[in-house]
N, C-alpha and C. Protein backbone atom coordinates (compact mmCIF):
# COMPACT_ATOMS: atom_id res chain seq x y z
N MET A 1 146.33 -6.75 84.38
CA MET A 1 145.01 -7.18 84.09
C MET A 1 145.03 -8.65 83.70
N THR A 2 144.18 -9.46 84.29
CA THR A 2 144.06 -10.83 83.90
C THR A 2 142.76 -11.04 83.14
N THR A 3 142.80 -12.02 82.23
CA THR A 3 141.65 -12.35 81.49
C THR A 3 141.26 -13.76 81.75
N PRO A 4 140.00 -14.19 81.60
CA PRO A 4 139.62 -15.52 81.93
C PRO A 4 140.28 -16.51 80.91
N HIS A 5 140.66 -16.10 79.82
CA HIS A 5 141.35 -16.96 78.83
C HIS A 5 142.62 -16.31 78.40
N GLY A 6 143.64 -17.10 78.13
CA GLY A 6 144.95 -16.58 77.79
C GLY A 6 144.86 -15.67 76.47
N LEU A 7 145.75 -14.76 76.48
CA LEU A 7 145.86 -13.86 75.27
C LEU A 7 146.42 -14.65 74.11
N GLY A 8 145.98 -14.10 72.92
CA GLY A 8 146.61 -14.61 71.73
C GLY A 8 148.03 -14.21 71.59
N GLN A 9 148.79 -14.82 70.71
CA GLN A 9 150.26 -14.59 70.54
C GLN A 9 150.55 -14.17 69.07
N LEU A 10 151.44 -13.34 68.90
CA LEU A 10 151.98 -13.02 67.52
C LEU A 10 152.97 -14.12 67.29
N ILE A 11 152.78 -14.95 66.28
CA ILE A 11 153.73 -16.06 66.04
C ILE A 11 154.72 -15.67 64.92
N GLU A 12 154.40 -14.60 64.28
CA GLU A 12 155.36 -14.01 63.33
C GLU A 12 154.71 -12.65 62.95
N PRO A 13 155.42 -11.78 62.37
CA PRO A 13 154.79 -10.37 62.02
C PRO A 13 153.54 -10.62 61.21
N GLY A 14 152.49 -9.95 61.66
CA GLY A 14 151.18 -9.98 60.96
C GLY A 14 150.39 -11.30 61.08
N THR A 15 150.78 -12.12 62.04
CA THR A 15 150.06 -13.37 62.26
C THR A 15 149.72 -13.56 63.71
N LEU A 16 148.47 -13.63 64.10
CA LEU A 16 147.93 -13.77 65.49
C LEU A 16 147.45 -15.19 65.64
N ARG A 17 147.75 -15.80 66.69
CA ARG A 17 147.25 -17.19 67.02
C ARG A 17 146.60 -17.18 68.35
N MET A 18 145.44 -17.82 68.42
CA MET A 18 144.65 -17.94 69.72
C MET A 18 144.31 -19.43 69.90
N GLU A 19 144.31 -19.86 71.03
CA GLU A 19 143.89 -21.27 71.38
C GLU A 19 142.84 -21.16 72.46
N ARG A 20 141.85 -22.03 72.32
CA ARG A 20 140.78 -22.14 73.39
C ARG A 20 140.35 -23.58 73.40
N THR A 21 140.08 -24.05 74.65
CA THR A 21 139.34 -25.32 74.71
C THR A 21 137.85 -25.02 74.91
N LEU A 22 137.10 -25.48 73.96
CA LEU A 22 135.67 -25.21 74.01
C LEU A 22 134.91 -26.39 74.73
N PRO A 23 133.96 -26.17 75.62
CA PRO A 23 133.26 -27.22 76.32
C PRO A 23 132.13 -27.76 75.45
N ALA A 24 132.43 -28.27 74.25
CA ALA A 24 131.40 -28.87 73.41
C ALA A 24 132.12 -29.85 72.42
N PRO A 25 131.31 -30.80 71.99
CA PRO A 25 131.91 -31.75 70.94
C PRO A 25 132.23 -31.01 69.64
N ILE A 26 133.13 -31.58 68.91
CA ILE A 26 133.61 -30.94 67.68
C ILE A 26 132.48 -30.63 66.68
N GLU A 27 131.50 -31.49 66.55
CA GLU A 27 130.44 -31.26 65.56
C GLU A 27 129.58 -30.02 65.95
N ARG A 28 129.41 -29.89 67.30
CA ARG A 28 128.70 -28.68 67.74
C ARG A 28 129.45 -27.38 67.49
N VAL A 29 130.75 -27.44 67.76
CA VAL A 29 131.69 -26.31 67.45
C VAL A 29 131.64 -25.94 66.02
N TRP A 30 131.78 -27.02 65.12
CA TRP A 30 131.76 -26.82 63.68
C TRP A 30 130.45 -26.10 63.26
N ALA A 31 129.35 -26.54 63.83
CA ALA A 31 128.09 -25.82 63.51
C ALA A 31 128.07 -24.41 63.83
N TYR A 32 128.70 -24.02 64.95
CA TYR A 32 128.76 -22.63 65.32
C TYR A 32 129.73 -21.79 64.52
N LEU A 33 130.59 -22.45 63.73
CA LEU A 33 131.46 -21.75 62.80
C LEU A 33 130.73 -21.59 61.43
N THR A 34 129.97 -22.61 60.95
CA THR A 34 129.47 -22.61 59.62
C THR A 34 128.03 -22.39 59.48
N ASP A 35 127.24 -22.56 60.44
CA ASP A 35 125.77 -22.30 60.36
C ASP A 35 125.51 -20.90 60.65
N PRO A 36 124.99 -20.09 59.68
CA PRO A 36 124.86 -18.63 59.85
C PRO A 36 124.04 -18.23 61.11
N GLU A 37 122.98 -18.99 61.35
CA GLU A 37 122.13 -18.66 62.55
C GLU A 37 122.90 -18.91 63.87
N LYS A 38 123.63 -19.98 63.94
CA LYS A 38 124.39 -20.26 65.17
C LYS A 38 125.62 -19.27 65.24
N ARG A 39 126.22 -18.99 64.08
CA ARG A 39 127.32 -18.08 64.08
C ARG A 39 126.97 -16.67 64.53
N ALA A 40 125.76 -16.29 64.20
CA ALA A 40 125.20 -14.95 64.59
C ALA A 40 125.17 -14.81 66.14
N THR A 41 125.10 -15.85 66.90
CA THR A 41 124.98 -15.77 68.35
C THR A 41 126.35 -15.44 68.98
N TRP A 42 127.52 -15.46 68.25
CA TRP A 42 128.74 -15.18 68.86
C TRP A 42 129.58 -14.27 67.95
N LEU A 43 129.34 -14.26 66.69
CA LEU A 43 130.19 -13.46 65.80
C LEU A 43 129.41 -12.68 64.81
N ALA A 44 128.96 -13.38 63.72
CA ALA A 44 128.12 -12.68 62.65
C ALA A 44 127.33 -13.74 61.94
N GLY A 45 126.13 -13.38 61.59
CA GLY A 45 125.28 -14.15 60.83
C GLY A 45 125.59 -14.00 59.37
N GLY A 46 124.52 -13.88 58.54
CA GLY A 46 124.74 -13.67 57.07
C GLY A 46 124.44 -14.99 56.31
N THR A 47 125.45 -15.34 55.51
CA THR A 47 125.30 -16.52 54.66
C THR A 47 126.59 -17.41 54.84
N MET A 48 126.63 -18.50 54.10
CA MET A 48 127.85 -19.30 54.14
C MET A 48 128.07 -19.92 52.72
N ALA A 49 129.20 -19.88 52.27
CA ALA A 49 129.57 -20.55 50.95
C ALA A 49 129.49 -22.03 51.17
N GLN A 50 129.16 -22.75 50.22
CA GLN A 50 129.13 -24.26 50.23
C GLN A 50 130.35 -24.89 49.76
N GLN A 51 131.24 -24.14 48.98
CA GLN A 51 132.46 -24.80 48.49
C GLN A 51 133.52 -23.70 48.39
N ALA A 52 134.77 -24.20 48.34
CA ALA A 52 135.95 -23.32 48.26
C ALA A 52 135.81 -22.43 47.08
N GLY A 53 136.14 -21.17 47.25
CA GLY A 53 136.08 -20.17 46.20
C GLY A 53 134.80 -19.30 46.30
N GLY A 54 133.75 -19.81 47.01
CA GLY A 54 132.51 -19.15 47.08
C GLY A 54 132.60 -17.95 48.06
N VAL A 55 131.90 -16.86 47.54
CA VAL A 55 131.87 -15.59 48.41
C VAL A 55 130.60 -15.68 49.26
N PHE A 56 130.73 -15.28 50.52
CA PHE A 56 129.61 -15.19 51.42
C PHE A 56 129.64 -13.88 52.22
N GLU A 57 128.59 -13.70 52.92
CA GLU A 57 128.45 -12.46 53.65
C GLU A 57 128.33 -12.68 55.21
N LEU A 58 129.20 -11.87 55.91
CA LEU A 58 129.11 -11.91 57.36
C LEU A 58 128.25 -10.66 57.76
N ARG A 59 127.24 -10.94 58.50
CA ARG A 59 126.39 -9.73 58.93
C ARG A 59 126.60 -9.65 60.52
N PHE A 60 127.47 -8.61 60.89
CA PHE A 60 127.73 -8.36 62.26
C PHE A 60 126.61 -7.49 62.92
N GLU A 61 126.01 -8.02 64.02
CA GLU A 61 125.03 -7.27 64.77
C GLU A 61 125.48 -7.35 66.19
N HIS A 62 126.47 -6.59 66.56
CA HIS A 62 127.05 -6.67 67.92
C HIS A 62 126.09 -6.38 68.98
N THR A 63 125.00 -5.58 68.64
CA THR A 63 124.01 -5.31 69.71
C THR A 63 123.24 -6.45 70.17
N LYS A 64 123.24 -7.55 69.39
CA LYS A 64 122.52 -8.75 69.74
C LYS A 64 123.35 -9.80 70.52
N LEU A 65 124.66 -9.49 70.65
CA LEU A 65 125.53 -10.56 71.32
C LEU A 65 125.35 -10.56 72.82
N THR A 66 125.23 -9.38 73.48
CA THR A 66 124.95 -9.33 74.92
C THR A 66 124.06 -8.13 75.16
N ASP A 67 123.81 -7.95 76.39
CA ASP A 67 122.83 -6.84 76.71
C ASP A 67 123.41 -5.49 76.78
N GLU A 68 124.80 -5.37 76.65
CA GLU A 68 125.41 -4.07 76.69
C GLU A 68 125.31 -3.29 75.32
N GLU A 69 125.13 -2.05 75.47
CA GLU A 69 125.24 -1.05 74.31
C GLU A 69 126.67 -0.76 74.06
N ALA A 70 126.98 -0.69 72.74
CA ALA A 70 128.38 -0.31 72.38
C ALA A 70 128.72 1.02 72.95
N PRO A 71 129.98 1.13 73.53
CA PRO A 71 130.37 2.48 74.01
C PRO A 71 130.41 3.42 72.90
N GLU A 72 130.58 4.75 73.18
CA GLU A 72 130.60 5.81 72.11
C GLU A 72 131.63 5.57 71.03
N ARG A 73 132.85 5.14 71.50
CA ARG A 73 133.85 5.02 70.47
C ARG A 73 133.63 3.86 69.50
N PHE A 74 132.64 3.04 69.82
CA PHE A 74 132.22 1.95 68.91
C PHE A 74 130.86 2.15 68.47
N ALA A 75 130.40 3.37 68.46
CA ALA A 75 129.01 3.72 68.03
C ALA A 75 128.67 3.21 66.62
N GLY A 76 129.62 3.09 65.77
CA GLY A 76 129.32 2.53 64.44
C GLY A 76 128.92 1.09 64.42
N TYR A 77 129.20 0.39 65.51
CA TYR A 77 128.87 -1.02 65.59
C TYR A 77 127.43 -1.14 66.21
N ARG A 78 126.73 -0.11 66.49
CA ARG A 78 125.38 -0.15 66.95
C ARG A 78 124.39 -0.58 65.84
N LYS A 79 124.80 -0.45 64.63
CA LYS A 79 124.07 -0.80 63.51
C LYS A 79 124.77 -2.00 62.80
N PRO A 80 123.95 -2.78 62.09
CA PRO A 80 124.55 -3.93 61.38
C PRO A 80 125.65 -3.55 60.42
N HIS A 81 126.64 -4.39 60.36
CA HIS A 81 127.81 -4.12 59.47
C HIS A 81 127.98 -5.38 58.53
N LEU A 82 128.10 -5.21 57.29
CA LEU A 82 128.12 -6.38 56.32
C LEU A 82 129.58 -6.41 55.86
N GLN A 83 130.03 -7.62 55.71
CA GLN A 83 131.40 -7.95 55.27
C GLN A 83 131.33 -9.09 54.25
N LYS A 84 131.99 -8.98 53.11
CA LYS A 84 132.11 -9.99 52.20
C LYS A 84 133.39 -10.79 52.48
N SER A 85 133.24 -12.09 52.47
CA SER A 85 134.34 -13.02 52.71
C SER A 85 134.37 -14.12 51.74
N ARG A 86 135.40 -14.87 51.59
CA ARG A 86 135.49 -16.02 50.68
C ARG A 86 135.92 -17.23 51.41
N LEU A 87 135.24 -18.36 51.15
CA LEU A 87 135.63 -19.63 51.66
C LEU A 87 136.81 -20.10 50.94
N LEU A 88 137.94 -20.31 51.65
CA LEU A 88 139.19 -20.67 50.99
C LEU A 88 139.41 -22.18 51.11
N ARG A 89 139.01 -22.75 52.29
CA ARG A 89 139.22 -24.13 52.50
C ARG A 89 138.33 -24.67 53.59
N SER A 90 137.74 -25.83 53.35
CA SER A 90 136.79 -26.38 54.31
C SER A 90 136.96 -27.90 54.37
N GLU A 91 137.35 -28.44 55.52
CA GLU A 91 137.46 -29.89 55.76
C GLU A 91 136.66 -30.22 57.04
N PRO A 92 135.35 -30.35 56.90
CA PRO A 92 134.47 -30.59 58.02
C PRO A 92 134.88 -31.81 58.78
N PRO A 93 134.88 -31.94 60.02
CA PRO A 93 134.62 -30.80 61.02
C PRO A 93 135.93 -30.26 61.64
N THR A 94 137.00 -30.24 60.94
CA THR A 94 138.32 -29.94 61.51
C THR A 94 138.99 -28.65 61.07
N LEU A 95 138.70 -28.14 59.85
CA LEU A 95 139.44 -27.05 59.31
C LEU A 95 138.55 -26.15 58.49
N LEU A 96 138.65 -24.87 58.82
CA LEU A 96 137.90 -23.91 58.00
C LEU A 96 138.79 -22.65 57.85
N THR A 97 139.00 -22.24 56.61
CA THR A 97 139.80 -21.00 56.26
C THR A 97 138.95 -20.11 55.41
N ILE A 98 138.90 -18.87 55.87
CA ILE A 98 138.11 -17.83 55.12
C ILE A 98 138.93 -16.59 54.95
N SER A 99 138.66 -15.79 53.87
CA SER A 99 139.25 -14.45 53.76
C SER A 99 138.51 -13.61 54.77
N TRP A 100 139.23 -12.53 55.25
CA TRP A 100 138.51 -11.64 56.14
C TRP A 100 138.40 -10.33 55.51
N ASP A 101 137.20 -9.95 55.14
CA ASP A 101 136.90 -8.72 54.37
C ASP A 101 137.51 -8.84 52.98
N GLU A 102 136.83 -9.57 52.10
CA GLU A 102 137.23 -9.83 50.74
C GLU A 102 137.65 -8.62 49.96
N GLY A 103 138.80 -8.64 49.44
CA GLY A 103 139.28 -7.52 48.63
C GLY A 103 140.77 -7.66 48.48
N PRO A 104 141.39 -6.63 47.81
CA PRO A 104 142.85 -6.76 47.53
C PRO A 104 143.77 -6.77 48.74
N ALA A 105 143.36 -6.30 49.85
CA ALA A 105 144.21 -6.30 51.08
C ALA A 105 143.53 -7.26 52.17
N SER A 106 142.75 -8.24 51.76
CA SER A 106 142.07 -9.07 52.74
C SER A 106 143.09 -9.88 53.55
N SER A 107 142.74 -10.11 54.76
CA SER A 107 143.56 -11.04 55.55
C SER A 107 142.83 -12.43 55.61
N GLU A 108 143.39 -13.37 56.34
CA GLU A 108 142.88 -14.70 56.24
C GLU A 108 142.77 -15.31 57.67
N VAL A 109 141.67 -15.98 57.91
CA VAL A 109 141.49 -16.61 59.30
C VAL A 109 141.27 -18.11 59.05
N THR A 110 141.99 -18.89 59.86
CA THR A 110 141.89 -20.35 59.82
C THR A 110 141.40 -20.77 61.29
N PHE A 111 140.42 -21.61 61.23
CA PHE A 111 139.92 -22.29 62.47
C PHE A 111 140.34 -23.80 62.35
N GLU A 112 141.16 -24.29 63.30
CA GLU A 112 141.45 -25.67 63.35
C GLU A 112 140.89 -26.23 64.62
N LEU A 113 140.08 -27.37 64.47
CA LEU A 113 139.42 -28.00 65.56
C LEU A 113 139.93 -29.42 65.73
N THR A 114 140.18 -29.78 67.02
CA THR A 114 140.63 -31.07 67.37
C THR A 114 139.79 -31.56 68.53
N PRO A 115 139.19 -32.72 68.49
CA PRO A 115 138.38 -33.23 69.53
C PRO A 115 139.28 -33.48 70.75
N GLN A 116 138.75 -33.23 71.96
CA GLN A 116 139.43 -33.50 73.21
C GLN A 116 138.42 -34.29 74.04
N GLY A 117 138.48 -35.62 73.76
CA GLY A 117 137.48 -36.48 74.39
C GLY A 117 136.15 -36.27 73.74
N ASP A 118 135.07 -36.65 74.39
CA ASP A 118 133.67 -36.61 73.77
C ASP A 118 133.05 -35.23 73.89
N ASN A 119 133.47 -34.37 74.87
CA ASN A 119 132.72 -33.21 75.15
C ASN A 119 133.51 -31.92 75.10
N SER A 120 134.76 -31.96 74.57
CA SER A 120 135.49 -30.74 74.41
C SER A 120 136.19 -30.68 73.10
N THR A 121 136.52 -29.50 72.63
CA THR A 121 137.19 -29.33 71.41
C THR A 121 138.28 -28.20 71.56
N GLN A 122 139.49 -28.54 71.02
CA GLN A 122 140.54 -27.55 70.98
C GLN A 122 140.41 -26.79 69.72
N LEU A 123 140.27 -25.43 69.85
CA LEU A 123 140.17 -24.52 68.78
C LEU A 123 141.52 -23.76 68.71
N VAL A 124 142.09 -23.79 67.49
CA VAL A 124 143.20 -22.88 67.24
C VAL A 124 142.76 -21.94 66.07
N LEU A 125 142.78 -20.58 66.41
CA LEU A 125 142.39 -19.64 65.40
C LEU A 125 143.63 -18.92 65.02
N THR A 126 143.97 -18.83 63.75
CA THR A 126 145.11 -18.07 63.27
C THR A 126 144.60 -17.06 62.25
N HIS A 127 144.97 -15.88 62.49
CA HIS A 127 144.66 -14.62 61.65
C HIS A 127 145.90 -14.22 61.01
N ARG A 128 146.04 -14.34 59.66
CA ARG A 128 147.23 -14.05 58.92
C ARG A 128 147.08 -12.75 58.11
N ARG A 129 148.19 -12.14 57.72
CA ARG A 129 148.30 -11.06 56.85
C ARG A 129 147.65 -9.79 57.39
N LEU A 130 147.89 -9.60 58.70
CA LEU A 130 147.46 -8.32 59.36
C LEU A 130 148.44 -7.22 58.98
N ALA A 131 147.96 -6.13 58.56
CA ALA A 131 148.69 -5.08 57.93
C ALA A 131 149.64 -4.33 58.84
N ASP A 132 149.20 -4.09 60.05
CA ASP A 132 150.06 -3.31 60.96
C ASP A 132 149.68 -3.50 62.41
N ARG A 133 150.34 -2.74 63.30
CA ARG A 133 150.01 -2.93 64.71
C ARG A 133 148.60 -2.63 65.07
N LYS A 134 148.11 -1.44 64.51
CA LYS A 134 146.76 -1.09 64.81
C LYS A 134 145.71 -2.18 64.43
N GLU A 135 145.84 -2.72 63.25
CA GLU A 135 144.92 -3.75 62.84
C GLU A 135 145.10 -5.00 63.69
N THR A 136 146.32 -5.32 64.01
CA THR A 136 146.69 -6.48 64.88
C THR A 136 145.95 -6.33 66.23
N LEU A 137 146.06 -5.13 66.86
CA LEU A 137 145.44 -4.88 68.17
C LEU A 137 143.84 -5.00 68.04
N SER A 138 143.33 -4.46 66.98
CA SER A 138 141.91 -4.48 66.84
C SER A 138 141.41 -5.95 66.65
N VAL A 139 142.12 -6.69 65.86
CA VAL A 139 141.71 -8.05 65.58
C VAL A 139 141.92 -8.93 66.80
N ALA A 140 142.98 -8.72 67.55
CA ALA A 140 143.25 -9.46 68.74
C ALA A 140 142.21 -9.29 69.85
N GLY A 141 141.85 -8.06 70.06
CA GLY A 141 140.76 -7.76 70.97
C GLY A 141 139.42 -8.26 70.59
N GLY A 142 139.15 -8.09 69.28
CA GLY A 142 137.85 -8.54 68.76
C GLY A 142 137.70 -9.99 68.82
N TRP A 143 138.69 -10.78 68.28
CA TRP A 143 138.60 -12.23 68.39
C TRP A 143 138.51 -12.75 69.82
N HIS A 144 139.29 -12.18 70.68
CA HIS A 144 139.27 -12.58 72.11
C HIS A 144 137.90 -12.49 72.63
N ALA A 145 137.24 -11.30 72.50
CA ALA A 145 135.90 -11.06 73.02
C ALA A 145 134.92 -11.96 72.35
N HIS A 146 134.98 -12.15 71.05
CA HIS A 146 134.03 -13.01 70.39
C HIS A 146 134.16 -14.48 70.79
N LEU A 147 135.35 -14.93 70.93
CA LEU A 147 135.60 -16.30 71.40
C LEU A 147 135.11 -16.55 72.83
N ASP A 148 135.22 -15.45 73.65
CA ASP A 148 134.67 -15.59 74.99
C ASP A 148 133.12 -15.76 74.91
N VAL A 149 132.45 -15.02 74.01
CA VAL A 149 131.06 -15.20 73.82
C VAL A 149 130.75 -16.64 73.34
N LEU A 150 131.58 -17.16 72.37
CA LEU A 150 131.36 -18.48 71.82
C LEU A 150 131.43 -19.52 72.97
N ILE A 151 132.38 -19.39 73.88
CA ILE A 151 132.45 -20.34 75.01
C ILE A 151 131.17 -20.33 75.76
N ASP A 152 130.58 -19.22 76.09
CA ASP A 152 129.32 -19.13 76.80
C ASP A 152 128.19 -19.80 75.95
N VAL A 153 128.13 -19.46 74.71
CA VAL A 153 127.00 -19.92 73.83
C VAL A 153 127.04 -21.42 73.68
N VAL A 154 128.18 -22.00 73.45
CA VAL A 154 128.12 -23.54 73.26
C VAL A 154 127.82 -24.26 74.58
N GLN A 155 127.88 -23.55 75.67
CA GLN A 155 127.53 -24.16 76.97
C GLN A 155 126.00 -23.83 77.27
N GLY A 156 125.36 -23.08 76.39
CA GLY A 156 124.02 -22.76 76.73
C GLY A 156 123.88 -21.66 77.67
N LYS A 157 124.91 -20.89 77.87
CA LYS A 157 124.86 -19.76 78.88
C LYS A 157 124.54 -18.47 78.18
N LYS A 158 124.02 -17.50 78.86
CA LYS A 158 123.88 -16.19 78.38
C LYS A 158 125.18 -15.46 78.37
N PRO A 159 125.73 -14.99 77.20
CA PRO A 159 127.03 -14.30 77.11
C PRO A 159 126.99 -13.01 78.01
N GLN A 160 128.13 -12.73 78.61
CA GLN A 160 128.27 -11.64 79.52
C GLN A 160 129.19 -10.51 78.87
N GLY A 161 128.74 -9.34 79.00
CA GLY A 161 129.48 -8.13 78.65
C GLY A 161 130.55 -8.06 77.56
N PHE A 162 130.08 -8.28 76.32
CA PHE A 162 130.98 -8.25 75.14
C PHE A 162 131.83 -6.96 75.17
N TRP A 163 131.23 -5.81 75.36
CA TRP A 163 131.92 -4.54 75.19
C TRP A 163 132.84 -4.27 76.40
N THR A 164 132.34 -4.67 77.62
CA THR A 164 133.24 -4.56 78.78
C THR A 164 134.49 -5.44 78.62
N ASN A 165 134.22 -6.65 78.14
CA ASN A 165 135.34 -7.56 77.97
C ASN A 165 136.31 -7.03 76.85
N LEU A 166 135.76 -6.56 75.76
CA LEU A 166 136.57 -6.02 74.68
C LEU A 166 137.47 -4.94 75.22
N GLU A 167 136.95 -3.98 75.90
CA GLU A 167 137.75 -2.92 76.37
C GLU A 167 138.80 -3.38 77.35
N ALA A 168 138.57 -4.43 78.17
CA ALA A 168 139.58 -4.90 79.07
C ALA A 168 140.68 -5.64 78.31
N VAL A 169 140.33 -6.51 77.33
CA VAL A 169 141.27 -7.26 76.68
C VAL A 169 142.15 -6.32 75.72
N GLU A 170 141.53 -5.35 75.21
CA GLU A 170 142.28 -4.38 74.37
C GLU A 170 143.48 -3.81 75.15
N LYS A 171 143.26 -3.43 76.40
CA LYS A 171 144.32 -2.93 77.21
C LYS A 171 145.42 -4.00 77.41
N ALA A 172 145.00 -5.20 77.68
CA ALA A 172 145.96 -6.33 77.80
C ALA A 172 146.82 -6.52 76.58
N TYR A 173 146.15 -6.50 75.39
CA TYR A 173 146.88 -6.61 74.14
C TYR A 173 147.78 -5.43 73.86
N GLU A 174 147.33 -4.28 74.16
CA GLU A 174 148.14 -3.07 74.01
C GLU A 174 149.48 -3.20 74.72
N ALA A 175 149.41 -3.72 75.94
CA ALA A 175 150.64 -3.96 76.77
C ALA A 175 151.43 -5.09 76.23
N GLN A 176 150.86 -6.17 75.79
CA GLN A 176 151.56 -7.33 75.29
C GLN A 176 152.17 -7.17 73.99
N LEU A 177 151.42 -6.70 73.00
CA LEU A 177 151.80 -6.71 71.66
C LEU A 177 152.58 -5.41 71.25
N ARG A 178 153.80 -5.42 71.68
CA ARG A 178 154.62 -4.20 71.40
C ARG A 178 155.46 -4.36 70.20
């Protein structure tokens, strides 16, 4: 199975890294990471903390990302899902680190942005402290599918098939992340 964008890699146990070149200037990409209304178009809306240490809410509404309905095995995602996270570090417009699902076993996501000329941005997403293979596979497929939506959204395109894409990349990650 091939994917339109390369698969993420395990760079050490419990740490997944993904790289994408986004067809938008760095300030636009930053807005899609930090502005809840823009973030809702590719990942999750909710709120955003204004300074390090602040807790904020991610409101996942997967049914609004594309025209597809969630398959039966993802039926729980047909309704909004709320997640508390914490802003750990913010250096606009190049670095954002948040906790993923705030709590005693939370993991951590870092977005590093580097301008590539005037109209492209290199995104490096690193998700650390993944508990086990099952969580790693879930996170890998989820981030991959969400980043594919982000690429469409920053170009002003209508995102295509979130759930179809997720199911395809899950199979690719299952084969790769052994």
